PDB file of all heavy atoms in Angstrom:
ATOM      1  N   GLY A   1     130.385  59.876  80.990  1.00  0.00           N
ATOM      2  CA  GLY A   1     131.599  59.956  80.190  1.00  0.00           C
ATOM      3  C   GLY A   1     132.106  61.360  79.928  1.00  0.00           C
ATOM      4  O   GLY A   1     132.915  61.565  79.014  1.00  0.00           O
ATOM      5  N   MET A   2     131.657  62.338  80.725  1.00  0.00           N
ATOM      6  CA  MET A   2     132.095  63.717  80.556  1.00  0.00           C
ATOM      7  C   MET A   2     132.803  64.193  81.822  1.00  0.00           C
ATOM      8  O   MET A   2     132.736  63.535  82.868  1.00  0.00           O
ATOM      9  CB  MET A   2     130.898  64.614  80.229  1.00  0.00           C
ATOM     10  CG  MET A   2     130.180  64.206  78.944  1.00  0.00           C
ATOM     11  SD  MET A   2     128.716  65.207  78.562  1.00  0.00           S
ATOM     12  CE  MET A   2     127.580  64.675  79.851  1.00  0.00           C
ATOM     13  N   THR A   3     133.495  65.324  81.728  1.00  0.00           N
ATOM     14  CA  THR A   3     134.270  65.842  82.848  1.00  0.00           C
ATOM     15  C   THR A   3     133.650  67.126  83.366  1.00  0.00           C
ATOM     16  O   THR A   3     133.577  68.115  82.632  1.00  0.00           O
ATOM     17  CB  THR A   3     135.724  66.122  82.430  1.00  0.00           C
ATOM     18  OG1 THR A   3     136.323  64.914  81.949  1.00  0.00           O
ATOM     19  CG2 THR A   3     136.532  66.654  83.604  1.00  0.00           C
ATOM     20  N   PRO A   4     133.195  67.160  84.622  1.00  0.00           N
ATOM     21  CA  PRO A   4     132.670  68.407  85.189  1.00  0.00           C
ATOM     22  C   PRO A   4     133.814  69.351  85.554  1.00  0.00           C
ATOM     23  O   PRO A   4     134.816  68.936  86.149  1.00  0.00           O
ATOM     24  CB  PRO A   4     131.922  67.939  86.441  1.00  0.00           C
ATOM     25  CG  PRO A   4     132.619  66.669  86.832  1.00  0.00           C
ATOM     26  CD  PRO A   4     133.102  66.022  85.565  1.00  0.00           C
ATOM     27  N   VAL A   5     133.678  70.615  85.188  1.00  0.00           N
ATOM     28  CA  VAL A   5     134.705  71.618  85.461  1.00  0.00           C
ATOM     29  C   VAL A   5     134.010  72.842  86.036  1.00  0.00           C
ATOM     30  O   VAL A   5     133.043  73.347  85.453  1.00  0.00           O
ATOM     31  CB  VAL A   5     135.482  72.003  84.183  1.00  0.00           C
ATOM     32  CG1 VAL A   5     136.609  72.972  84.526  1.00  0.00           C
ATOM     33  CG2 VAL A   5     136.040  70.768  83.491  1.00  0.00           C
ATOM     34  N   ARG A   6     134.505  73.336  87.132  1.00  0.00           N
ATOM     35  CA  ARG A   6     133.891  74.486  87.806  1.00  0.00           C
ATOM     36  C   ARG A   6     134.082  75.768  86.984  1.00  0.00           C
ATOM     37  O   ARG A   6     135.187  76.058  86.519  1.00  0.00           O
ATOM     38  CB  ARG A   6     134.542  74.661  89.174  1.00  0.00           C
ATOM     39  CG  ARG A   6     134.112  75.899  89.954  1.00  0.00           C
ATOM     40  CD  ARG A   6     132.819  75.682  90.658  1.00  0.00           C
ATOM     41  NE  ARG A   6     132.481  76.845  91.508  1.00  0.00           N
ATOM     42  CZ  ARG A   6     131.481  76.866  92.361  1.00  0.00           C
ATOM     43  NH1 ARG A   6     130.722  75.794  92.496  1.00  0.00           N
ATOM     44  NH2 ARG A   6     131.213  77.937  93.078  1.00  0.00           N
ATOM     45  N   LEU A   7     133.011  76.523  86.801  1.00  0.00           N
ATOM     46  CA  LEU A   7     133.095  77.825  86.147  1.00  0.00           C
ATOM     47  C   LEU A   7     133.626  78.846  87.145  1.00  0.00           C
ATOM     48  O   LEU A   7     133.149  78.938  88.275  1.00  0.00           O
ATOM     49  CB  LEU A   7     131.721  78.261  85.657  1.00  0.00           C
ATOM     50  CG  LEU A   7     131.690  79.592  84.900  1.00  0.00           C
ATOM     51  CD1 LEU A   7     132.132  79.386  83.463  1.00  0.00           C
ATOM     52  CD2 LEU A   7     130.292  80.201  84.936  1.00  0.00           C
ATOM     53  N   PHE A   8     134.637  79.618  86.721  1.00  0.00           N
ATOM     54  CA  PHE A   8     135.183  80.675  87.553  1.00  0.00           C
ATOM     55  C   PHE A   8     134.899  82.025  86.921  1.00  0.00           C
ATOM     56  O   PHE A   8     134.838  82.155  85.699  1.00  0.00           O
ATOM     57  CB  PHE A   8     136.688  80.485  87.762  1.00  0.00           C
ATOM     58  CG  PHE A   8     137.014  79.469  88.812  1.00  0.00           C
ATOM     59  CD1 PHE A   8     136.874  78.110  88.563  1.00  0.00           C
ATOM     60  CD2 PHE A   8     137.446  79.872  90.065  1.00  0.00           C
ATOM     61  CE1 PHE A   8     137.149  77.164  89.541  1.00  0.00           C
ATOM     62  CE2 PHE A   8     137.732  78.934  91.055  1.00  0.00           C
ATOM     63  CZ  PHE A   8     137.587  77.587  90.802  1.00  0.00           C
ATOM     64  N   GLY A   9     134.743  83.043  87.762  1.00  0.00           N
ATOM     65  CA  GLY A   9     134.405  84.367  87.279  1.00  0.00           C
ATOM     66  C   GLY A   9     135.565  85.065  86.609  1.00  0.00           C
ATOM     67  O   GLY A   9     136.729  84.857  86.964  1.00  0.00           O
ATOM     68  N   CYS A  10     135.253  85.893  85.633  1.00  0.00           N
ATOM     69  CA  CYS A  10     136.264  86.690  84.941  1.00  0.00           C
ATOM     70  C   CYS A  10     136.816  87.737  85.905  1.00  0.00           C
ATOM     71  O   CYS A  10     136.063  88.523  86.476  1.00  0.00           O
ATOM     72  CB  CYS A  10     135.649  87.358  83.717  1.00  0.00           C
ATOM     73  SG  CYS A  10     136.794  88.402  82.806  1.00  0.00           S
ATOM     74  N   TYR A  11     138.121  87.764  86.052  1.00  0.00           N
ATOM     75  CA  TYR A  11     138.764  88.653  87.017  1.00  0.00           C
ATOM     76  C   TYR A  11     139.103  90.012  86.423  1.00  0.00           C
ATOM     77  O   TYR A  11     139.369  90.963  87.141  1.00  0.00           O
ATOM     78  CB  TYR A  11     140.037  87.988  87.550  1.00  0.00           C
ATOM     79  CG  TYR A  11     140.603  88.621  88.793  1.00  0.00           C
ATOM     80  CD1 TYR A  11     139.899  88.559  89.990  1.00  0.00           C
ATOM     81  CD2 TYR A  11     141.830  89.267  88.786  1.00  0.00           C
ATOM     82  CE1 TYR A  11     140.413  89.123  91.146  1.00  0.00           C
ATOM     83  CE2 TYR A  11     142.352  89.838  89.935  1.00  0.00           C
ATOM     84  CZ  TYR A  11     141.635  89.760  91.115  1.00  0.00           C
ATOM     85  OH  TYR A  11     142.139  90.330  92.253  1.00  0.00           O
ATOM     86  N   GLY A  12     139.107  90.117  85.102  1.00  0.00           N
ATOM     87  CA  GLY A  12     139.483  91.363  84.441  1.00  0.00           C
ATOM     88  C   GLY A  12     138.291  92.227  84.092  1.00  0.00           C
ATOM     89  O   GLY A  12     137.247  92.178  84.750  1.00  0.00           O
ATOM     90  N   PRO A  13     138.399  93.025  83.025  1.00  0.00           N
ATOM     91  CA  PRO A  13     137.287  93.891  82.601  1.00  0.00           C
ATOM     92  C   PRO A  13     136.032  93.081  82.277  1.00  0.00           C
ATOM     93  O   PRO A  13     136.113  91.947  81.800  1.00  0.00           O
ATOM     94  CB  PRO A  13     137.847  94.580  81.347  1.00  0.00           C
ATOM     95  CG  PRO A  13     139.337  94.506  81.503  1.00  0.00           C
ATOM     96  CD  PRO A  13     139.603  93.211  82.200  1.00  0.00           C
ATOM     97  N   ARG A  14     134.863  93.684  82.514  1.00  0.00           N
ATOM     98  CA  ARG A  14     133.594  92.976  82.336  1.00  0.00           C
ATOM     99  C   ARG A  14     132.616  93.836  81.532  1.00  0.00           C
ATOM    100  O   ARG A  14     131.560  94.248  82.050  1.00  0.00           O
ATOM    101  CB  ARG A  14     132.998  92.634  83.701  1.00  0.00           C
ATOM    102  CG  ARG A  14     133.932  91.788  84.554  1.00  0.00           C
ATOM    103  CD  ARG A  14     133.525  91.817  85.997  1.00  0.00           C
ATOM    104  NE  ARG A  14     134.528  91.136  86.813  1.00  0.00           N
ATOM    105  CZ  ARG A  14     134.568  91.177  88.134  1.00  0.00           C
ATOM    106  NH1 ARG A  14     133.666  91.872  88.787  1.00  0.00           N
ATOM    107  NH2 ARG A  14     135.511  90.556  88.799  1.00  0.00           N
ATOM    108  N   PRO A  15     132.923  94.108  80.280  1.00  0.00           N
ATOM    109  CA  PRO A  15     132.056  95.009  79.497  1.00  0.00           C
ATOM    110  C   PRO A  15     130.655  94.453  79.290  1.00  0.00           C
ATOM    111  O   PRO A  15     129.677  95.211  79.286  1.00  0.00           O
ATOM    112  CB  PRO A  15     132.807  95.155  78.177  1.00  0.00           C
ATOM    113  CG  PRO A  15     133.707  93.952  78.096  1.00  0.00           C
ATOM    114  CD  PRO A  15     134.102  93.669  79.504  1.00  0.00           C
ATOM    115  N   ASN A  16     130.517  93.144  79.105  1.00  0.00           N
ATOM    116  CA  ASN A  16     129.180  92.573  78.903  1.00  0.00           C
ATOM    117  C   ASN A  16     128.341  92.662  80.173  1.00  0.00           C
ATOM    118  O   ASN A  16     127.150  92.958  80.120  1.00  0.00           O
ATOM    119  CB  ASN A  16     129.311  91.115  78.458  1.00  0.00           C
ATOM    120  CG  ASN A  16     129.862  90.986  77.057  1.00  0.00           C
ATOM    121  OD1 ASN A  16     129.150  91.159  76.080  1.00  0.00           O
ATOM    122  ND2 ASN A  16     131.150  90.686  76.956  1.00  0.00           N
ATOM    123  N   ALA A  17     128.964  92.403  81.305  1.00  0.00           N
ATOM    124  CA  ALA A  17     128.241  92.512  82.564  1.00  0.00           C
ATOM    125  C   ALA A  17     127.798  93.945  82.818  1.00  0.00           C
ATOM    126  O   ALA A  17     126.674  94.192  83.272  1.00  0.00           O
ATOM    127  CB  ALA A  17     129.124  92.022  83.712  1.00  0.00           C
ATOM    128  N   GLU A  18     128.670  94.897  82.503  1.00  0.00           N
ATOM    129  CA  GLU A  18     128.304  96.296  82.701  1.00  0.00           C
ATOM    130  C   GLU A  18     127.160  96.703  81.775  1.00  0.00           C
ATOM    131  O   GLU A  18     126.322  97.540  82.131  1.00  0.00           O
ATOM    132  CB  GLU A  18     129.530  97.186  82.452  1.00  0.00           C
ATOM    133  CG  GLU A  18     130.675  96.974  83.429  1.00  0.00           C
ATOM    134  CD  GLU A  18     130.248  97.151  84.872  1.00  0.00           C
ATOM    135  OE1 GLU A  18     129.490  98.113  85.148  1.00  0.00           O
ATOM    136  OE2 GLU A  18     130.634  96.324  85.722  1.00  0.00           O
ATOM    137  N   LYS A  19     127.107  96.102  80.609  1.00  0.00           N
ATOM    138  CA  LYS A  19     126.071  96.461  79.637  1.00  0.00           C
ATOM    139  C   LYS A  19     124.719  95.854  79.985  1.00  0.00           C
ATOM    140  O   LYS A  19     123.676  96.509  79.840  1.00  0.00           O
ATOM    141  CB  LYS A  19     126.513  96.006  78.243  1.00  0.00           C
ATOM    142  CG  LYS A  19     125.496  96.302  77.144  1.00  0.00           C
ATOM    143  CD  LYS A  19     126.024  95.855  75.773  1.00  0.00           C
ATOM    144  CE  LYS A  19     125.018  96.123  74.669  1.00  0.00           C
ATOM    145  NZ  LYS A  19     125.523  95.675  73.342  1.00  0.00           N
ATOM    146  N   TYR A  20     124.701  94.614  80.468  1.00  0.00           N
ATOM    147  CA  TYR A  20     123.446  93.885  80.577  1.00  0.00           C
ATOM    148  C   TYR A  20     122.907  93.718  81.999  1.00  0.00           C
ATOM    149  O   TYR A  20     121.704  93.485  82.167  1.00  0.00           O
ATOM    150  CB  TYR A  20     123.596  92.496  79.945  1.00  0.00           C
ATOM    151  CG  TYR A  20     123.742  92.519  78.452  1.00  0.00           C
ATOM    152  CD1 TYR A  20     124.975  92.291  77.849  1.00  0.00           C
ATOM    153  CD2 TYR A  20     122.643  92.766  77.631  1.00  0.00           C
ATOM    154  CE1 TYR A  20     125.119  92.303  76.467  1.00  0.00           C
ATOM    155  CE2 TYR A  20     122.771  92.782  76.258  1.00  0.00           C
ATOM    156  CZ  TYR A  20     124.010  92.554  75.674  1.00  0.00           C
ATOM    157  OH  TYR A  20     124.151  92.575  74.312  1.00  0.00           O
ATOM    158  N   LEU A  21     123.752  93.770  83.011  1.00  0.00           N
ATOM    159  CA  LEU A  21     123.301  93.443  84.362  1.00  0.00           C
ATOM    160  C   LEU A  21     122.973  94.680  85.175  1.00  0.00           C
ATOM    161  O   LEU A  21     123.666  95.691  85.093  1.00  0.00           O
ATOM    162  CB  LEU A  21     124.382  92.626  85.097  1.00  0.00           C
ATOM    163  CG  LEU A  21     124.744  91.271  84.501  1.00  0.00           C
ATOM    164  CD1 LEU A  21     125.725  90.548  85.408  1.00  0.00           C
ATOM    165  CD2 LEU A  21     123.505  90.423  84.253  1.00  0.00           C
ATOM    166  N   GLU A  22     121.917  94.573  85.996  1.00  0.00           N
ATOM    167  CA  GLU A  22     121.565  95.676  86.876  1.00  0.00           C
ATOM    168  C   GLU A  22     122.448  95.646  88.117  1.00  0.00           C
ATOM    169  O   GLU A  22     123.214  94.708  88.351  1.00  0.00           O
ATOM    170  CB  GLU A  22     120.091  95.614  87.260  1.00  0.00           C
ATOM    171  CG  GLU A  22     119.709  94.408  88.100  1.00  0.00           C
ATOM    172  CD  GLU A  22     119.197  93.248  87.284  1.00  0.00           C
ATOM    173  OE1 GLU A  22     119.590  93.118  86.113  1.00  0.00           O
ATOM    174  OE2 GLU A  22     118.399  92.458  87.819  1.00  0.00           O
ATOM    175  N   ALA A  23     122.296  96.670  88.943  1.00  0.00           N
ATOM    176  CA  ALA A  23     123.191  96.858  90.081  1.00  0.00           C
ATOM    177  C   ALA A  23     123.059  95.764  91.129  1.00  0.00           C
ATOM    178  O   ALA A  23     123.969  95.571  91.943  1.00  0.00           O
ATOM    179  CB  ALA A  23     122.932  98.221  90.727  1.00  0.00           C
ATOM    180  N   SER A  24     121.939  95.037  91.144  1.00  0.00           N
ATOM    181  CA  SER A  24     121.743  94.020  92.174  1.00  0.00           C
ATOM    182  C   SER A  24     122.725  92.859  92.053  1.00  0.00           C
ATOM    183  O   SER A  24     122.885  92.087  92.997  1.00  0.00           O
ATOM    184  CB  SER A  24     120.307  93.485  92.125  1.00  0.00           C
ATOM    185  OG  SER A  24     120.047  92.847  90.886  1.00  0.00           O
ATOM    186  N   PHE A  25     123.382  92.723  90.911  1.00  0.00           N
ATOM    187  CA  PHE A  25     124.385  91.674  90.751  1.00  0.00           C
ATOM    188  C   PHE A  25     125.715  92.156  91.323  1.00  0.00           C
ATOM    189  O   PHE A  25     126.292  93.136  90.834  1.00  0.00           O
ATOM    190  CB  PHE A  25     124.566  91.316  89.270  1.00  0.00           C
ATOM    191  CG  PHE A  25     123.449  90.490  88.703  1.00  0.00           C
ATOM    192  CD1 PHE A  25     122.355  91.087  88.108  1.00  0.00           C
ATOM    193  CD2 PHE A  25     123.488  89.110  88.777  1.00  0.00           C
ATOM    194  CE1 PHE A  25     121.325  90.333  87.585  1.00  0.00           C
ATOM    195  CE2 PHE A  25     122.464  88.339  88.257  1.00  0.00           C
ATOM    196  CZ  PHE A  25     121.380  88.950  87.655  1.00  0.00           C
ATOM    197  N   GLY A  26     126.203  91.465  92.346  1.00  0.00           N
ATOM    198  CA  GLY A  26     127.486  91.803  92.938  1.00  0.00           C
ATOM    199  C   GLY A  26     128.650  91.426  92.035  1.00  0.00           C
ATOM    200  O   GLY A  26     128.482  90.838  90.962  1.00  0.00           O
ATOM    201  N   ALA A  27     129.860  91.739  92.506  1.00  0.00           N
ATOM    202  CA  ALA A  27     131.069  91.598  91.686  1.00  0.00           C
ATOM    203  C   ALA A  27     131.300  90.156  91.236  1.00  0.00           C
ATOM    204  O   ALA A  27     131.681  89.913  90.085  1.00  0.00           O
ATOM    205  CB  ALA A  27     132.271  92.118  92.466  1.00  0.00           C
ATOM    206  N   LEU A  28     131.115  89.206  92.138  1.00  0.00           N
ATOM    207  CA  LEU A  28     131.368  87.810  91.774  1.00  0.00           C
ATOM    208  C   LEU A  28     130.417  87.348  90.683  1.00  0.00           C
ATOM    209  O   LEU A  28     130.820  86.672  89.718  1.00  0.00           O
ATOM    210  CB  LEU A  28     131.225  86.929  93.010  1.00  0.00           C
ATOM    211  CG  LEU A  28     131.638  85.460  92.851  1.00  0.00           C
ATOM    212  CD1 LEU A  28     133.111  85.345  92.536  1.00  0.00           C
ATOM    213  CD2 LEU A  28     131.308  84.668  94.110  1.00  0.00           C
ATOM    214  N   TRP A  29     129.137  87.720  90.797  1.00  0.00           N
ATOM    215  CA  TRP A  29     128.143  87.304  89.811  1.00  0.00           C
ATOM    216  C   TRP A  29     128.395  87.967  88.461  1.00  0.00           C
ATOM    217  O   TRP A  29     128.176  87.369  87.409  1.00  0.00           O
ATOM    218  CB  TRP A  29     126.740  87.644  90.318  1.00  0.00           C
ATOM    219  CG  TRP A  29     126.538  87.162  91.721  1.00  0.00           C
ATOM    220  CD1 TRP A  29     126.511  87.917  92.856  1.00  0.00           C
ATOM    221  CD2 TRP A  29     126.397  85.806  92.146  1.00  0.00           C
ATOM    222  NE1 TRP A  29     126.343  87.118  93.957  1.00  0.00           N
ATOM    223  CE2 TRP A  29     126.264  85.819  93.551  1.00  0.00           C
ATOM    224  CE3 TRP A  29     126.349  84.582  91.483  1.00  0.00           C
ATOM    225  CZ2 TRP A  29     126.106  84.658  94.300  1.00  0.00           C
ATOM    226  CZ3 TRP A  29     126.185  83.423  92.219  1.00  0.00           C
ATOM    227  CH2 TRP A  29     126.063  83.468  93.613  1.00  0.00           C
ATOM    228  N   ARG A  30     128.867  89.189  88.488  1.00  0.00           N
ATOM    229  CA  ARG A  30     129.212  89.874  87.245  1.00  0.00           C
ATOM    230  C   ARG A  30     130.388  89.171  86.570  1.00  0.00           C
ATOM    231  O   ARG A  30     130.461  89.091  85.333  1.00  0.00           O
ATOM    232  CB  ARG A  30     129.539  91.339  87.521  1.00  0.00           C
ATOM    233  CG  ARG A  30     128.399  92.082  88.177  1.00  0.00           C
ATOM    234  CD  ARG A  30     128.745  93.514  88.548  1.00  0.00           C
ATOM    235  NE  ARG A  30     128.389  94.422  87.466  1.00  0.00           N
ATOM    236  CZ  ARG A  30     127.175  94.878  87.255  1.00  0.00           C
ATOM    237  NH1 ARG A  30     126.181  94.515  88.030  1.00  0.00           N
ATOM    238  NH2 ARG A  30     126.937  95.717  86.271  1.00  0.00           N
ATOM    239  N   GLY A  31     131.292  88.658  87.380  1.00  0.00           N
ATOM    240  CA  GLY A  31     132.404  87.899  86.822  1.00  0.00           C
ATOM    241  C   GLY A  31     131.952  86.632  86.125  1.00  0.00           C
ATOM    242  O   GLY A  31     132.444  86.278  85.050  1.00  0.00           O
ATOM    243  N   TYR A  32     130.989  85.911  86.721  1.00  0.00           N
ATOM    244  CA  TYR A  32     130.447  84.715  86.087  1.00  0.00           C
ATOM    245  C   TYR A  32     129.785  85.069  84.747  1.00  0.00           C
ATOM    246  O   TYR A  32     129.975  84.373  83.743  1.00  0.00           O
ATOM    247  CB  TYR A  32     129.405  84.045  86.991  1.00  0.00           C
ATOM    248  CG  TYR A  32     129.949  83.428  88.253  1.00  0.00           C
ATOM    249  CD1 TYR A  32     129.246  83.530  89.450  1.00  0.00           C
ATOM    250  CD2 TYR A  32     131.147  82.727  88.249  1.00  0.00           C
ATOM    251  CE1 TYR A  32     129.733  82.946  90.616  1.00  0.00           C
ATOM    252  CE2 TYR A  32     131.646  82.147  89.405  1.00  0.00           C
ATOM    253  CZ  TYR A  32     130.934  82.267  90.591  1.00  0.00           C
ATOM    254  OH  TYR A  32     131.408  81.697  91.736  1.00  0.00           O
ATOM    255  N   PHE A  33     128.996  86.141  84.771  1.00  0.00           N
ATOM    256  CA  PHE A  33     128.312  86.542  83.538  1.00  0.00           C
ATOM    257  C   PHE A  33     129.323  86.856  82.445  1.00  0.00           C
ATOM    258  O   PHE A  33     129.151  86.444  81.285  1.00  0.00           O
ATOM    259  CB  PHE A  33     127.429  87.765  83.813  1.00  0.00           C
ATOM    260  CG  PHE A  33     126.587  88.181  82.638  1.00  0.00           C
ATOM    261  CD1 PHE A  33     125.337  87.621  82.433  1.00  0.00           C
ATOM    262  CD2 PHE A  33     127.052  89.107  81.719  1.00  0.00           C
ATOM    263  CE1 PHE A  33     124.550  88.001  81.345  1.00  0.00           C
ATOM    264  CE2 PHE A  33     126.284  89.497  80.630  1.00  0.00           C
ATOM    265  CZ  PHE A  33     125.036  88.940  80.440  1.00  0.00           C
ATOM    266  N   GLU A  34     130.384  87.554  82.791  1.00  0.00           N
ATOM    267  CA  GLU A  34     131.380  87.936  81.783  1.00  0.00           C
ATOM    268  C   GLU A  34     132.105  86.716  81.231  1.00  0.00           C
ATOM    269  O   GLU A  34     132.412  86.644  80.040  1.00  0.00           O
ATOM    270  CB  GLU A  34     132.380  88.925  82.380  1.00  0.00           C
ATOM    271  CG  GLU A  34     133.310  89.554  81.354  1.00  0.00           C
ATOM    272  CD  GLU A  34     132.556  90.417  80.359  1.00  0.00           C
ATOM    273  OE1 GLU A  34     131.594  91.111  80.762  1.00  0.00           O
ATOM    274  OE2 GLU A  34     132.932  90.393  79.167  1.00  0.00           O
ATOM    275  N   THR A  35     132.388  85.745  82.083  1.00  0.00           N
ATOM    276  CA  THR A  35     133.052  84.531  81.619  1.00  0.00           C
ATOM    277  C   THR A  35     132.247  83.872  80.508  1.00  0.00           C
ATOM    278  O   THR A  35     132.801  83.445  79.482  1.00  0.00           O
ATOM    279  CB  THR A  35     133.242  83.537  82.777  1.00  0.00           C
ATOM    280  OG1 THR A  35     134.132  84.116  83.740  1.00  0.00           O
ATOM    281  CG2 THR A  35     133.847  82.223  82.284  1.00  0.00           C
ATOM    282  N   VAL A  36     130.929  83.805  80.693  1.00  0.00           N
ATOM    283  CA  VAL A  36     130.065  83.138  79.720  1.00  0.00           C
ATOM    284  C   VAL A  36     129.780  84.046  78.529  1.00  0.00           C
ATOM    285  O   VAL A  36     130.007  83.668  77.370  1.00  0.00           O
ATOM    286  CB  VAL A  36     128.749  82.690  80.395  1.00  0.00           C
ATOM    287  CG1 VAL A  36     127.801  82.083  79.363  1.00  0.00           C
ATOM    288  CG2 VAL A  36     129.043  81.690  81.503  1.00  0.00           C
ATOM    289  N   ALA A  37     129.271  85.242  78.786  1.00  0.00           N
ATOM    290  CA  ALA A  37     128.865  86.139  77.697  1.00  0.00           C
ATOM    291  C   ALA A  37     130.051  86.684  76.921  1.00  0.00           C
ATOM    292  O   ALA A  37     129.930  87.016  75.737  1.00  0.00           O
ATOM    293  CB  ALA A  37     128.040  87.296  78.261  1.00  0.00           C
ATOM    294  N   GLY A  38     131.204  86.776  77.580  1.00  0.00           N
ATOM    295  CA  GLY A  38     132.385  87.324  76.923  1.00  0.00           C
ATOM    296  C   GLY A  38     133.216  86.311  76.166  1.00  0.00           C
ATOM    297  O   GLY A  38     134.284  86.639  75.653  1.00  0.00           O
ATOM    298  N   GLY A  39     132.744  85.067  76.085  1.00  0.00           N
ATOM    299  CA  GLY A  39     133.448  84.051  75.307  1.00  0.00           C
ATOM    300  C   GLY A  39     134.700  83.506  75.955  1.00  0.00           C
ATOM    301  O   GLY A  39     135.597  83.004  75.261  1.00  0.00           O
ATOM    302  N   HIS A  40     134.780  83.556  77.298  1.00  0.00           N
ATOM    303  CA  HIS A  40     135.993  83.104  77.986  1.00  0.00           C
ATOM    304  C   HIS A  40     136.020  81.599  78.232  1.00  0.00           C
ATOM    305  O   HIS A  40     136.962  81.099  78.852  1.00  0.00           O
ATOM    306  CB  HIS A  40     136.143  83.843  79.317  1.00  0.00           C
ATOM    307  CG  HIS A  40     136.356  85.312  79.168  1.00  0.00           C
ATOM    308  ND1 HIS A  40     137.573  85.854  78.812  1.00  0.00           N
ATOM    309  CD2 HIS A  40     135.507  86.353  79.302  1.00  0.00           C
ATOM    310  CE1 HIS A  40     137.480  87.163  78.753  1.00  0.00           C
ATOM    311  NE2 HIS A  40     136.231  87.501  79.037  1.00  0.00           N
TER     312      HIS A  40
END
């Protein structure tokens, strides 16, 4: 009874990703992290 919705990466600034993620995370993965951690 729920609706699955695809998570998309944040396309703009990513301050949380820059603060918490190491360099091994590429741009797309940093976008996903920012979407979640940044309250998007």
